[in-house]
Amino acid sequence: MLVPVSIESVRLLLERTAPKNGGAISWYSSVCDLKGGRVYLFRKANFSRVAILDVKAELKKGARTEDMDALMTALGRPYAADGK
C-alpha cells in the first residue's frame, strides 16, 4: 500500500521499526521537513514527545554544540499529528 509522505507517516515508520523488548535503541530519531525548514527530534523511541527545530533560526545562532537532552527538556512537547 502506497502511503503519502508526511511528517506523520515518517514518524509512524520510525515508531514501528524502533527496537523493542530490550533490543538496541536509537538515542535520537529525526524527521526532516526540507520544504518547511524544520527538524522533528524524538528521544529514545518515545514518539509521543517531540522537539521541533526551525533550521533557519538555528543557523542564525552560528556554529555551536548543543546538548540534546537539554534541547528535549527546553523544546520537548507532546506530539500532535498535525505537526504543530
N, C-alpha and C. Protein backbone atom coordinates (compact mmCIF):
# COMPACT_ATOMS: atom_id res chain seq x y z
N MET A 1 0.84 -1.17 0.00
CA MET A 1 0.00 0.00 0.00
C MET A 1 0.89 1.24 0.00
N LEU A 2 0.63 2.15 -0.89
CA LEU A 2 1.38 3.39 -1.00
C LEU A 2 0.79 4.43 -0.05
N VAL A 3 1.61 4.98 0.82
CA VAL A 3 1.17 5.97 1.79
C VAL A 3 1.80 7.31 1.43
N PRO A 4 1.03 8.38 1.40
CA PRO A 4 1.61 9.69 1.11
C PRO A 4 2.68 10.03 2.15
N VAL A 5 3.76 10.63 1.70
CA VAL A 5 4.84 11.00 2.60
C VAL A 5 4.45 12.26 3.36
N SER A 6 4.55 12.19 4.67
CA SER A 6 4.26 13.32 5.54
C SER A 6 5.10 13.16 6.80
N ILE A 7 5.12 14.18 7.63
CA ILE A 7 5.81 14.08 8.91
C ILE A 7 5.23 12.91 9.69
N GLU A 8 3.92 12.82 9.71
CA GLU A 8 3.26 11.75 10.47
C GLU A 8 3.59 10.37 9.93
N SER A 9 3.61 10.20 8.61
CA SER A 9 3.89 8.86 8.06
C SER A 9 5.33 8.44 8.36
N VAL A 10 6.27 9.38 8.34
CA VAL A 10 7.66 9.04 8.65
C VAL A 10 7.80 8.77 10.15
N ARG A 11 7.11 9.56 10.98
CA ARG A 11 7.13 9.31 12.43
C ARG A 11 6.60 7.92 12.74
N LEU A 12 5.50 7.54 12.10
CA LEU A 12 4.95 6.20 12.30
C LEU A 12 5.92 5.11 11.85
N LEU A 13 6.60 5.33 10.74
CA LEU A 13 7.60 4.38 10.26
C LEU A 13 8.71 4.21 11.29
N LEU A 14 9.22 5.32 11.83
CA LEU A 14 10.25 5.26 12.86
C LEU A 14 9.74 4.51 14.09
N GLU A 15 8.52 4.83 14.51
CA GLU A 15 7.95 4.20 15.70
C GLU A 15 7.79 2.69 15.50
N ARG A 16 7.32 2.30 14.35
CA ARG A 16 7.08 0.86 14.08
C ARG A 16 8.35 0.06 13.88
N THR A 17 9.43 0.71 13.50
CA THR A 17 10.68 -0.01 13.26
C THR A 17 11.68 0.15 14.39
N ALA A 18 11.33 0.91 15.42
CA ALA A 18 12.24 1.09 16.57
C ALA A 18 12.39 -0.24 17.31
N PRO A 19 13.62 -0.57 17.74
CA PRO A 19 13.83 -1.81 18.50
C PRO A 19 12.98 -1.82 19.77
N LYS A 20 12.48 -2.99 20.10
CA LYS A 20 11.64 -3.15 21.29
C LYS A 20 12.17 -4.32 22.12
N ASN A 21 11.66 -4.44 23.30
CA ASN A 21 11.99 -5.56 24.19
C ASN A 21 13.48 -5.68 24.48
N GLY A 22 14.09 -4.56 24.83
CA GLY A 22 15.48 -4.59 25.24
C GLY A 22 16.49 -4.65 24.12
N GLY A 23 16.06 -4.52 22.89
CA GLY A 23 17.00 -4.51 21.77
C GLY A 23 17.78 -3.21 21.76
N ALA A 24 18.72 -3.10 20.87
CA ALA A 24 19.50 -1.87 20.73
C ALA A 24 18.53 -0.71 20.52
N ILE A 25 18.87 0.43 21.06
CA ILE A 25 17.97 1.58 20.96
C ILE A 25 18.69 2.75 20.29
N SER A 26 17.97 3.49 19.50
CA SER A 26 18.50 4.74 18.96
C SER A 26 18.23 5.81 19.99
N TRP A 27 19.25 6.57 20.35
CA TRP A 27 19.05 7.62 21.35
C TRP A 27 18.17 8.72 20.80
N TYR A 28 18.34 9.04 19.53
CA TYR A 28 17.54 10.10 18.91
C TYR A 28 17.15 9.68 17.51
N SER A 29 15.94 10.05 17.13
CA SER A 29 15.47 9.87 15.76
C SER A 29 14.98 11.23 15.29
N SER A 30 15.11 11.48 14.00
CA SER A 30 14.67 12.78 13.49
C SER A 30 13.93 12.62 12.17
N VAL A 31 13.03 13.55 11.95
CA VAL A 31 12.32 13.68 10.69
C VAL A 31 12.63 15.08 10.18
N CYS A 32 13.13 15.18 8.96
CA CYS A 32 13.49 16.48 8.39
C CYS A 32 12.44 16.91 7.37
N ASP A 33 11.86 18.06 7.60
CA ASP A 33 10.91 18.66 6.68
C ASP A 33 11.69 19.70 5.87
N LEU A 34 12.18 19.27 4.71
CA LEU A 34 13.05 20.14 3.91
C LEU A 34 12.31 21.37 3.39
N LYS A 35 11.08 21.21 2.96
CA LYS A 35 10.32 22.34 2.45
C LYS A 35 9.93 23.31 3.56
N GLY A 36 9.58 22.79 4.71
CA GLY A 36 9.15 23.63 5.82
C GLY A 36 10.31 24.16 6.66
N GLY A 37 11.50 23.61 6.46
CA GLY A 37 12.67 24.07 7.19
C GLY A 37 12.65 23.72 8.66
N ARG A 38 12.09 22.54 8.98
CA ARG A 38 12.00 22.11 10.37
C ARG A 38 12.58 20.71 10.53
N VAL A 39 13.10 20.45 11.73
CA VAL A 39 13.56 19.13 12.11
C VAL A 39 12.76 18.71 13.34
N TYR A 40 12.17 17.54 13.28
CA TYR A 40 11.40 16.97 14.38
C TYR A 40 12.29 15.95 15.07
N LEU A 41 12.59 16.18 16.33
CA LEU A 41 13.53 15.34 17.06
C LEU A 41 12.79 14.54 18.12
N PHE A 42 13.02 13.22 18.11
CA PHE A 42 12.41 12.30 19.07
C PHE A 42 13.53 11.64 19.86
N ARG A 43 13.28 11.30 21.13
CA ARG A 43 14.30 10.74 22.00
C ARG A 43 13.91 9.35 22.48
N LYS A 44 14.86 8.42 22.40
CA LYS A 44 14.74 7.06 22.95
C LYS A 44 13.43 6.37 22.56
N ALA A 45 13.11 6.40 21.31
CA ALA A 45 11.92 5.72 20.79
C ALA A 45 10.63 6.19 21.44
N ASN A 46 10.64 7.39 22.03
CA ASN A 46 9.42 7.99 22.56
C ASN A 46 8.88 8.92 21.48
N PHE A 47 7.97 8.39 20.69
CA PHE A 47 7.46 9.15 19.55
C PHE A 47 6.20 9.93 19.91
N SER A 48 5.89 10.02 21.21
CA SER A 48 4.76 10.83 21.65
C SER A 48 5.22 12.22 22.09
N ARG A 49 6.55 12.44 22.20
CA ARG A 49 7.11 13.76 22.53
C ARG A 49 8.09 14.16 21.44
N VAL A 50 8.09 15.44 21.12
CA VAL A 50 8.91 15.94 20.02
C VAL A 50 9.48 17.31 20.37
N ALA A 51 10.68 17.57 19.88
CA ALA A 51 11.25 18.92 19.88
C ALA A 51 11.33 19.33 18.42
N ILE A 52 10.75 20.46 18.09
CA ILE A 52 10.74 20.93 16.70
C ILE A 52 11.73 22.09 16.59
N LEU A 53 12.70 21.90 15.70
CA LEU A 53 13.73 22.92 15.49
C LEU A 53 13.48 23.64 14.17
N ASP A 54 13.58 24.95 14.19
CA ASP A 54 13.48 25.75 12.99
C ASP A 54 14.90 25.91 12.44
N VAL A 55 15.16 25.35 11.28
CA VAL A 55 16.52 25.31 10.73
C VAL A 55 17.10 26.71 10.53
N LYS A 56 16.33 27.63 9.95
CA LYS A 56 16.84 28.99 9.72
C LYS A 56 17.22 29.67 11.04
N ALA A 57 16.38 29.53 12.05
CA ALA A 57 16.66 30.14 13.35
C ALA A 57 17.92 29.54 13.98
N GLU A 58 18.07 28.22 13.84
CA GLU A 58 19.25 27.56 14.40
C GLU A 58 20.52 27.98 13.67
N LEU A 59 20.46 28.12 12.36
CA LEU A 59 21.63 28.54 11.59
C LEU A 59 22.05 29.96 11.94
N LYS A 60 21.08 30.82 12.23
CA LYS A 60 21.39 32.21 12.59
C LYS A 60 22.17 32.28 13.91
N LYS A 61 22.05 31.28 14.75
CA LYS A 61 22.75 31.25 16.04
C LYS A 61 24.23 30.94 15.87
N GLY A 62 24.62 30.49 14.67
CA GLY A 62 26.03 30.22 14.40
C GLY A 62 26.46 28.83 14.87
N ALA A 63 27.73 28.53 14.60
CA ALA A 63 28.29 27.23 14.95
C ALA A 63 28.36 27.08 16.46
N ARG A 64 27.93 25.95 16.96
CA ARG A 64 27.96 25.66 18.38
C ARG A 64 27.64 24.20 18.62
N THR A 65 27.81 23.78 19.84
CA THR A 65 27.45 22.42 20.24
C THR A 65 26.22 22.51 21.12
N GLU A 66 25.25 21.64 20.86
CA GLU A 66 24.02 21.62 21.66
C GLU A 66 23.94 20.31 22.42
N ASP A 67 23.44 20.36 23.62
CA ASP A 67 23.16 19.17 24.42
C ASP A 67 21.75 18.69 24.05
N MET A 68 21.66 17.51 23.49
CA MET A 68 20.37 17.01 23.01
C MET A 68 19.36 16.85 24.14
N ASP A 69 19.82 16.39 25.31
CA ASP A 69 18.89 16.26 26.44
C ASP A 69 18.33 17.62 26.84
N ALA A 70 19.19 18.65 26.83
CA ALA A 70 18.74 20.00 27.17
C ALA A 70 17.74 20.51 26.14
N LEU A 71 17.98 20.21 24.86
CA LEU A 71 17.04 20.60 23.81
C LEU A 71 15.68 19.95 24.04
N MET A 72 15.69 18.67 24.35
CA MET A 72 14.43 17.97 24.57
C MET A 72 13.71 18.51 25.80
N THR A 73 14.46 18.88 26.83
CA THR A 73 13.85 19.46 28.03
C THR A 73 13.25 20.83 27.72
N ALA A 74 14.00 21.64 27.00
CA ALA A 74 13.56 23.00 26.69
C ALA A 74 12.44 23.05 25.64
N LEU A 75 12.56 22.22 24.62
CA LEU A 75 11.64 22.31 23.48
C LEU A 75 10.65 21.16 23.39
N GLY A 76 10.88 20.08 24.13
CA GLY A 76 10.02 18.90 24.03
C GLY A 76 8.59 19.19 24.43
N ARG A 77 7.68 18.62 23.68
CA ARG A 77 6.26 18.77 23.97
C ARG A 77 5.51 17.58 23.39
N PRO A 78 4.28 17.38 23.80
CA PRO A 78 3.52 16.27 23.22
C PRO A 78 3.41 16.42 21.70
N TYR A 79 3.55 15.31 21.02
CA TYR A 79 3.46 15.33 19.55
C TYR A 79 2.00 15.44 19.14
N ALA A 80 1.74 16.29 18.16
CA ALA A 80 0.40 16.41 17.56
C ALA A 80 0.53 15.99 16.10
N ALA A 81 -0.38 15.17 15.64
CA ALA A 81 -0.32 14.63 14.28
C ALA A 81 -0.31 15.71 13.22
N ASP A 82 -0.81 16.89 13.54
CA ASP A 82 -0.80 17.97 12.54
C ASP A 82 0.57 18.64 12.47
N GLY A 83 1.53 18.17 13.31
CA GLY A 83 2.89 18.67 13.25
C GLY A 83 3.09 20.04 13.86
N LYS A 84 2.11 20.55 14.58
CA LYS A 84 2.23 21.88 15.17
C LYS A 84 2.48 21.79 16.66
